[in-house]
Amino acid sequence: MNTDEDDEYSSHVSKDCRDCQSGARMIAFALQQLATITENVVTATNYALSKPERAVGKLLKEYTGVLSDRDIMKAVGLFETEMKAGMFLVMKKGEFQDMWLQDQLDRLKQQGKAKR
């Protein structure tokens, strides 16, 4: 290992670990680098998803166990349109979002009754 690499490892490894053997320092550095790479991949993956996919993820995270499975299924259908998915994504979790979602579900139920 050359001196430049040693300096890079030293800057990333805690002072207490600088007295460790070279192998331990390399492992500590590698683990830190892996954590950074993993964090970047997760962030990039979230942006790679479409608005409807992100809206469904938010719905499942915030409403599983709150809404019935049937209502969650209907709400997933709402997010087939980019516009409604986008609206849901920008709403903060809370009463307004709950009211909006319930209103959308009620509209779907009314449409279903009208078709019969």
N, C-alpha and C. Protein backbone atom coordinates (compact mmCIF):
# COMPACT_ATOMS: atom_id res chain seq x y z
N MET A 1 0.84 -1.17 0.00
CA MET A 1 0.00 0.00 0.00
C MET A 1 0.89 1.24 0.00
N ASN A 2 0.56 2.26 -0.80
CA ASN A 2 1.42 3.43 -0.83
C ASN A 2 0.99 4.47 0.20
N THR A 3 1.75 5.51 0.37
CA THR A 3 1.53 6.52 1.39
C THR A 3 0.24 7.28 1.15
N ASP A 4 -0.11 7.58 -0.11
CA ASP A 4 -1.36 8.28 -0.40
C ASP A 4 -2.56 7.47 0.06
N GLU A 5 -2.54 6.17 -0.19
CA GLU A 5 -3.63 5.31 0.25
C GLU A 5 -3.69 5.27 1.77
N ASP A 6 -2.52 5.23 2.44
CA ASP A 6 -2.50 5.24 3.90
C ASP A 6 -3.13 6.51 4.43
N ASP A 7 -2.84 7.64 3.81
CA ASP A 7 -3.43 8.90 4.24
C ASP A 7 -4.94 8.88 4.07
N GLU A 8 -5.42 8.31 2.94
CA GLU A 8 -6.86 8.24 2.71
C GLU A 8 -7.53 7.37 3.77
N TYR A 9 -6.93 6.22 4.06
CA TYR A 9 -7.48 5.35 5.10
C TYR A 9 -7.45 6.05 6.44
N SER A 10 -6.37 6.71 6.76
CA SER A 10 -6.24 7.38 8.05
C SER A 10 -7.29 8.46 8.23
N SER A 11 -7.63 9.15 7.16
CA SER A 11 -8.62 10.22 7.28
C SER A 11 -10.02 9.67 7.50
N HIS A 12 -10.28 8.40 7.14
CA HIS A 12 -11.60 7.81 7.28
C HIS A 12 -11.74 6.91 8.50
N VAL A 13 -10.68 6.52 9.11
CA VAL A 13 -10.71 5.60 10.23
C VAL A 13 -10.49 6.39 11.51
N SER A 14 -11.23 6.05 12.56
CA SER A 14 -11.12 6.80 13.81
C SER A 14 -9.69 6.76 14.34
N LYS A 15 -9.36 7.76 15.16
CA LYS A 15 -8.00 7.88 15.68
C LYS A 15 -7.60 6.64 16.49
N ASP A 16 -8.56 6.09 17.25
CA ASP A 16 -8.26 4.91 18.06
C ASP A 16 -7.84 3.73 17.19
N CYS A 17 -8.38 3.67 15.99
CA CYS A 17 -8.10 2.54 15.11
C CYS A 17 -6.80 2.72 14.34
N ARG A 18 -6.21 3.90 14.38
CA ARG A 18 -4.97 4.13 13.63
C ARG A 18 -3.82 3.29 14.17
N ASP A 19 -3.96 2.88 15.43
CA ASP A 19 -2.92 2.05 16.02
C ASP A 19 -3.15 0.57 15.72
N CYS A 20 -4.28 0.25 15.11
CA CYS A 20 -4.59 -1.14 14.76
C CYS A 20 -3.67 -1.61 13.65
N GLN A 21 -3.70 -2.88 13.42
CA GLN A 21 -2.92 -3.44 12.32
C GLN A 21 -3.49 -2.94 11.00
N SER A 22 -2.69 -2.94 9.99
CA SER A 22 -3.07 -2.45 8.67
C SER A 22 -4.32 -3.15 8.14
N GLY A 23 -4.45 -4.44 8.32
CA GLY A 23 -5.62 -5.20 7.84
C GLY A 23 -6.90 -4.72 8.47
N ALA A 24 -6.87 -4.45 9.76
CA ALA A 24 -8.06 -3.97 10.45
C ALA A 24 -8.47 -2.59 9.94
N ARG A 25 -7.47 -1.76 9.66
CA ARG A 25 -7.77 -0.43 9.12
C ARG A 25 -8.40 -0.53 7.75
N MET A 26 -7.91 -1.44 6.96
CA MET A 26 -8.45 -1.62 5.62
C MET A 26 -9.90 -2.11 5.69
N ILE A 27 -10.17 -3.01 6.60
CA ILE A 27 -11.54 -3.52 6.76
C ILE A 27 -12.48 -2.40 7.21
N ALA A 28 -12.05 -1.61 8.18
CA ALA A 28 -12.87 -0.51 8.67
C ALA A 28 -13.17 0.48 7.54
N PHE A 29 -12.17 0.79 6.76
CA PHE A 29 -12.35 1.71 5.63
C PHE A 29 -13.32 1.11 4.62
N ALA A 30 -13.15 -0.16 4.30
CA ALA A 30 -14.02 -0.82 3.33
C ALA A 30 -15.48 -0.82 3.79
N LEU A 31 -15.69 -1.06 5.07
CA LEU A 31 -17.05 -1.06 5.62
C LEU A 31 -17.68 0.32 5.53
N GLN A 32 -16.90 1.35 5.82
CA GLN A 32 -17.41 2.71 5.70
C GLN A 32 -17.77 3.03 4.26
N GLN A 33 -16.93 2.62 3.32
CA GLN A 33 -17.19 2.86 1.91
C GLN A 33 -18.44 2.11 1.45
N LEU A 34 -18.61 0.88 1.92
CA LEU A 34 -19.78 0.09 1.57
C LEU A 34 -21.06 0.74 2.08
N ALA A 35 -21.02 1.26 3.29
CA ALA A 35 -22.18 1.95 3.85
C ALA A 35 -22.56 3.16 3.00
N THR A 36 -21.57 3.91 2.55
CA THR A 36 -21.82 5.09 1.71
C THR A 36 -22.41 4.68 0.36
N ILE A 37 -21.86 3.66 -0.24
CA ILE A 37 -22.35 3.18 -1.53
C ILE A 37 -23.79 2.69 -1.39
N THR A 38 -24.07 1.93 -0.35
CA THR A 38 -25.42 1.40 -0.13
C THR A 38 -26.42 2.54 0.04
N GLU A 39 -26.06 3.55 0.80
CA GLU A 39 -26.93 4.70 1.01
C GLU A 39 -27.22 5.41 -0.32
N ASN A 40 -26.20 5.58 -1.16
CA ASN A 40 -26.38 6.22 -2.45
C ASN A 40 -27.27 5.41 -3.39
N VAL A 41 -27.16 4.09 -3.35
CA VAL A 41 -27.98 3.23 -4.20
C VAL A 41 -29.44 3.33 -3.79
N VAL A 42 -29.72 3.33 -2.48
CA VAL A 42 -31.09 3.44 -2.00
C VAL A 42 -31.69 4.76 -2.44
N THR A 43 -30.95 5.86 -2.32
CA THR A 43 -31.44 7.17 -2.73
C THR A 43 -31.71 7.19 -4.23
N ALA A 44 -30.81 6.66 -5.02
CA ALA A 44 -30.98 6.65 -6.48
C ALA A 44 -32.18 5.79 -6.87
N THR A 45 -32.40 4.68 -6.18
CA THR A 45 -33.52 3.80 -6.49
C THR A 45 -34.84 4.51 -6.26
N ASN A 46 -34.94 5.28 -5.19
CA ASN A 46 -36.18 6.00 -4.91
C ASN A 46 -36.51 6.98 -6.03
N TYR A 47 -35.51 7.63 -6.61
CA TYR A 47 -35.76 8.57 -7.69
C TYR A 47 -36.04 7.86 -9.01
N ALA A 48 -35.62 6.62 -9.14
CA ALA A 48 -35.84 5.88 -10.38
C ALA A 48 -37.27 5.39 -10.49
N LEU A 49 -38.00 5.32 -9.38
CA LEU A 49 -39.38 4.86 -9.41
C LEU A 49 -40.28 5.95 -9.97
N SER A 50 -41.34 5.55 -10.65
CA SER A 50 -42.30 6.50 -11.20
C SER A 50 -43.15 7.08 -10.06
N LYS A 51 -43.87 8.16 -10.35
CA LYS A 51 -44.76 8.74 -9.34
C LYS A 51 -45.80 7.73 -8.85
N PRO A 52 -46.46 7.01 -9.76
CA PRO A 52 -47.41 6.01 -9.26
C PRO A 52 -46.77 4.96 -8.35
N GLU A 53 -45.57 4.52 -8.70
CA GLU A 53 -44.89 3.53 -7.85
C GLU A 53 -44.56 4.11 -6.48
N ARG A 54 -44.07 5.35 -6.46
CA ARG A 54 -43.75 5.98 -5.17
C ARG A 54 -45.02 6.22 -4.36
N ALA A 55 -46.13 6.61 -5.04
CA ALA A 55 -47.39 6.85 -4.34
C ALA A 55 -47.91 5.56 -3.70
N VAL A 56 -47.80 4.45 -4.41
CA VAL A 56 -48.23 3.17 -3.85
C VAL A 56 -47.37 2.82 -2.65
N GLY A 57 -46.07 3.05 -2.75
CA GLY A 57 -45.18 2.79 -1.61
C GLY A 57 -45.56 3.61 -0.39
N LYS A 58 -45.85 4.89 -0.62
CA LYS A 58 -46.27 5.77 0.48
C LYS A 58 -47.60 5.30 1.07
N LEU A 59 -48.53 4.94 0.18
CA LEU A 59 -49.83 4.44 0.62
C LEU A 59 -49.66 3.22 1.52
N LEU A 60 -48.89 2.25 1.07
CA LEU A 60 -48.69 1.03 1.85
C LEU A 60 -48.00 1.32 3.18
N LYS A 61 -47.04 2.21 3.16
CA LYS A 61 -46.31 2.54 4.39
C LYS A 61 -47.21 3.23 5.41
N GLU A 62 -48.06 4.14 4.94
CA GLU A 62 -48.85 4.96 5.86
C GLU A 62 -50.24 4.42 6.17
N TYR A 63 -50.78 3.54 5.31
CA TYR A 63 -52.17 3.14 5.50
C TYR A 63 -52.40 1.64 5.71
N THR A 64 -51.36 0.82 5.62
CA THR A 64 -51.53 -0.60 5.93
C THR A 64 -51.91 -0.71 7.40
N GLY A 65 -53.00 -1.42 7.65
CA GLY A 65 -53.50 -1.55 9.02
C GLY A 65 -54.45 -0.44 9.41
N VAL A 66 -54.53 0.61 8.60
CA VAL A 66 -55.45 1.72 8.86
C VAL A 66 -56.68 1.56 7.97
N LEU A 67 -56.44 1.33 6.68
CA LEU A 67 -57.52 1.09 5.73
C LEU A 67 -57.69 -0.41 5.54
N SER A 68 -58.88 -0.79 5.09
CA SER A 68 -59.11 -2.20 4.77
C SER A 68 -58.28 -2.57 3.54
N ASP A 69 -58.05 -3.84 3.37
CA ASP A 69 -57.31 -4.30 2.19
C ASP A 69 -58.03 -3.89 0.90
N ARG A 70 -59.36 -3.94 0.92
CA ARG A 70 -60.14 -3.56 -0.25
C ARG A 70 -59.95 -2.08 -0.58
N ASP A 71 -59.95 -1.22 0.44
CA ASP A 71 -59.74 0.21 0.21
C ASP A 71 -58.31 0.49 -0.28
N ILE A 72 -57.36 -0.24 0.25
CA ILE A 72 -55.97 -0.06 -0.23
C ILE A 72 -55.89 -0.45 -1.70
N MET A 73 -56.56 -1.54 -2.06
CA MET A 73 -56.56 -1.98 -3.45
C MET A 73 -57.18 -0.91 -4.35
N LYS A 74 -58.29 -0.32 -3.91
CA LYS A 74 -58.93 0.74 -4.69
C LYS A 74 -58.04 1.96 -4.79
N ALA A 75 -57.37 2.30 -3.69
CA ALA A 75 -56.49 3.47 -3.69
C ALA A 75 -55.31 3.26 -4.63
N VAL A 76 -54.82 2.06 -4.73
CA VAL A 76 -53.73 1.76 -5.67
C VAL A 76 -54.18 2.11 -7.08
N GLY A 77 -55.44 1.82 -7.41
CA GLY A 77 -55.98 2.15 -8.71
C GLY A 77 -56.02 3.65 -8.97
N LEU A 78 -56.19 4.44 -7.91
CA LEU A 78 -56.19 5.90 -8.06
C LEU A 78 -54.87 6.39 -8.64
N PHE A 79 -53.80 5.74 -8.27
CA PHE A 79 -52.47 6.23 -8.61
C PHE A 79 -52.01 5.78 -9.99
N GLU A 80 -52.92 5.20 -10.77
CA GLU A 80 -52.58 4.88 -12.15
C GLU A 80 -52.37 6.15 -12.96
N THR A 81 -52.98 7.24 -12.51
CA THR A 81 -52.78 8.52 -13.19
C THR A 81 -51.65 9.28 -12.50
N GLU A 82 -50.76 9.83 -13.28
CA GLU A 82 -49.62 10.60 -12.75
C GLU A 82 -50.10 11.76 -11.88
N MET A 83 -51.21 12.41 -12.30
CA MET A 83 -51.68 13.59 -11.59
C MET A 83 -52.08 13.25 -10.16
N LYS A 84 -52.89 12.23 -9.98
CA LYS A 84 -53.34 11.87 -8.63
C LYS A 84 -52.18 11.31 -7.80
N ALA A 85 -51.32 10.57 -8.43
CA ALA A 85 -50.14 10.05 -7.73
C ALA A 85 -49.28 11.21 -7.24
N GLY A 86 -49.07 12.19 -8.12
CA GLY A 86 -48.27 13.35 -7.76
C GLY A 86 -48.90 14.16 -6.64
N MET A 87 -50.22 14.32 -6.69
CA MET A 87 -50.91 15.06 -5.63
C MET A 87 -50.71 14.37 -4.28
N PHE A 88 -50.88 13.05 -4.28
CA PHE A 88 -50.73 12.29 -3.04
C PHE A 88 -49.30 12.38 -2.50
N LEU A 89 -48.33 12.36 -3.40
CA LEU A 89 -46.93 12.40 -2.97
C LEU A 89 -46.57 13.71 -2.28
N VAL A 90 -47.15 14.82 -2.72
CA VAL A 90 -46.77 16.10 -2.12
C VAL A 90 -47.52 16.39 -0.82
N MET A 91 -48.56 15.64 -0.54
CA MET A 91 -49.30 15.85 0.71
C MET A 91 -48.52 15.28 1.88
N LYS A 92 -48.47 16.06 2.95
CA LYS A 92 -47.84 15.57 4.17
C LYS A 92 -48.81 14.65 4.88
N LYS A 93 -48.25 13.66 5.55
CA LYS A 93 -49.07 12.73 6.32
C LYS A 93 -49.86 13.53 7.35
N GLY A 94 -51.14 13.27 7.40
CA GLY A 94 -51.96 13.99 8.37
C GLY A 94 -53.41 14.03 7.96
N GLU A 95 -54.15 14.90 8.63
CA GLU A 95 -55.60 14.96 8.47
C GLU A 95 -56.03 15.32 7.04
N PHE A 96 -55.36 16.30 6.43
CA PHE A 96 -55.74 16.70 5.07
C PHE A 96 -55.54 15.55 4.10
N GLN A 97 -54.41 14.88 4.19
CA GLN A 97 -54.15 13.73 3.31
C GLN A 97 -55.19 12.64 3.54
N ASP A 98 -55.53 12.38 4.80
CA ASP A 98 -56.53 11.38 5.12
C ASP A 98 -57.88 11.74 4.50
N MET A 99 -58.27 13.01 4.63
CA MET A 99 -59.55 13.45 4.08
C MET A 99 -59.55 13.35 2.55
N TRP A 100 -58.45 13.75 1.91
CA TRP A 100 -58.36 13.68 0.45
C TRP A 100 -58.50 12.24 -0.02
N LEU A 101 -57.77 11.33 0.63
CA LEU A 101 -57.81 9.94 0.23
C LEU A 101 -59.19 9.35 0.44
N GLN A 102 -59.82 9.65 1.57
CA GLN A 102 -61.16 9.14 1.84
C GLN A 102 -62.16 9.68 0.82
N ASP A 103 -62.01 10.96 0.45
CA ASP A 103 -62.88 11.54 -0.57
C ASP A 103 -62.71 10.82 -1.91
N GLN A 104 -61.48 10.52 -2.28
CA GLN A 104 -61.22 9.80 -3.53
C GLN A 104 -61.84 8.40 -3.49
N LEU A 105 -61.73 7.72 -2.35
CA LEU A 105 -62.31 6.38 -2.22
C LEU A 105 -63.83 6.45 -2.27
N ASP A 106 -64.41 7.47 -1.63
CA ASP A 106 -65.87 7.64 -1.67
C ASP A 106 -66.35 7.87 -3.10
N ARG A 107 -65.60 8.66 -3.86
CA ARG A 107 -65.96 8.90 -5.27
C ARG A 107 -65.93 7.61 -6.07
N LEU A 108 -64.92 6.78 -5.82
CA LEU A 108 -64.85 5.50 -6.52
C LEU A 108 -66.05 4.61 -6.16
N LYS A 109 -66.43 4.62 -4.89
CA LYS A 109 -67.58 3.81 -4.46
C LYS A 109 -68.86 4.31 -5.14
N GLN A 110 -69.01 5.63 -5.23
CA GLN A 110 -70.20 6.20 -5.89
C GLN A 110 -70.22 5.83 -7.37
N GLN A 111 -69.07 5.87 -8.01
CA GLN A 111 -68.98 5.50 -9.43
C GLN A 111 -69.34 4.03 -9.61
N GLY A 112 -68.91 3.20 -8.68
CA GLY A 112 -69.22 1.78 -8.74
C GLY A 112 -70.70 1.51 -8.59
N LYS A 113 -71.38 2.27 -7.71
CA LYS A 113 -72.82 2.11 -7.52
C LYS A 113 -73.58 2.59 -8.74
N ALA A 114 -73.10 3.64 -9.38
CA ALA A 114 -73.78 4.20 -10.54
C ALA A 114 -73.71 3.25 -11.73
N LYS A 115 -72.67 2.45 -11.81
CA LYS A 115 -72.51 1.50 -12.92
C LYS A 115 -73.44 0.31 -12.80
N ARG A 116 -73.93 0.04 -11.61
CA ARG A 116 -74.78 -1.13 -11.41
C ARG A 116 -76.15 -0.95 -11.90
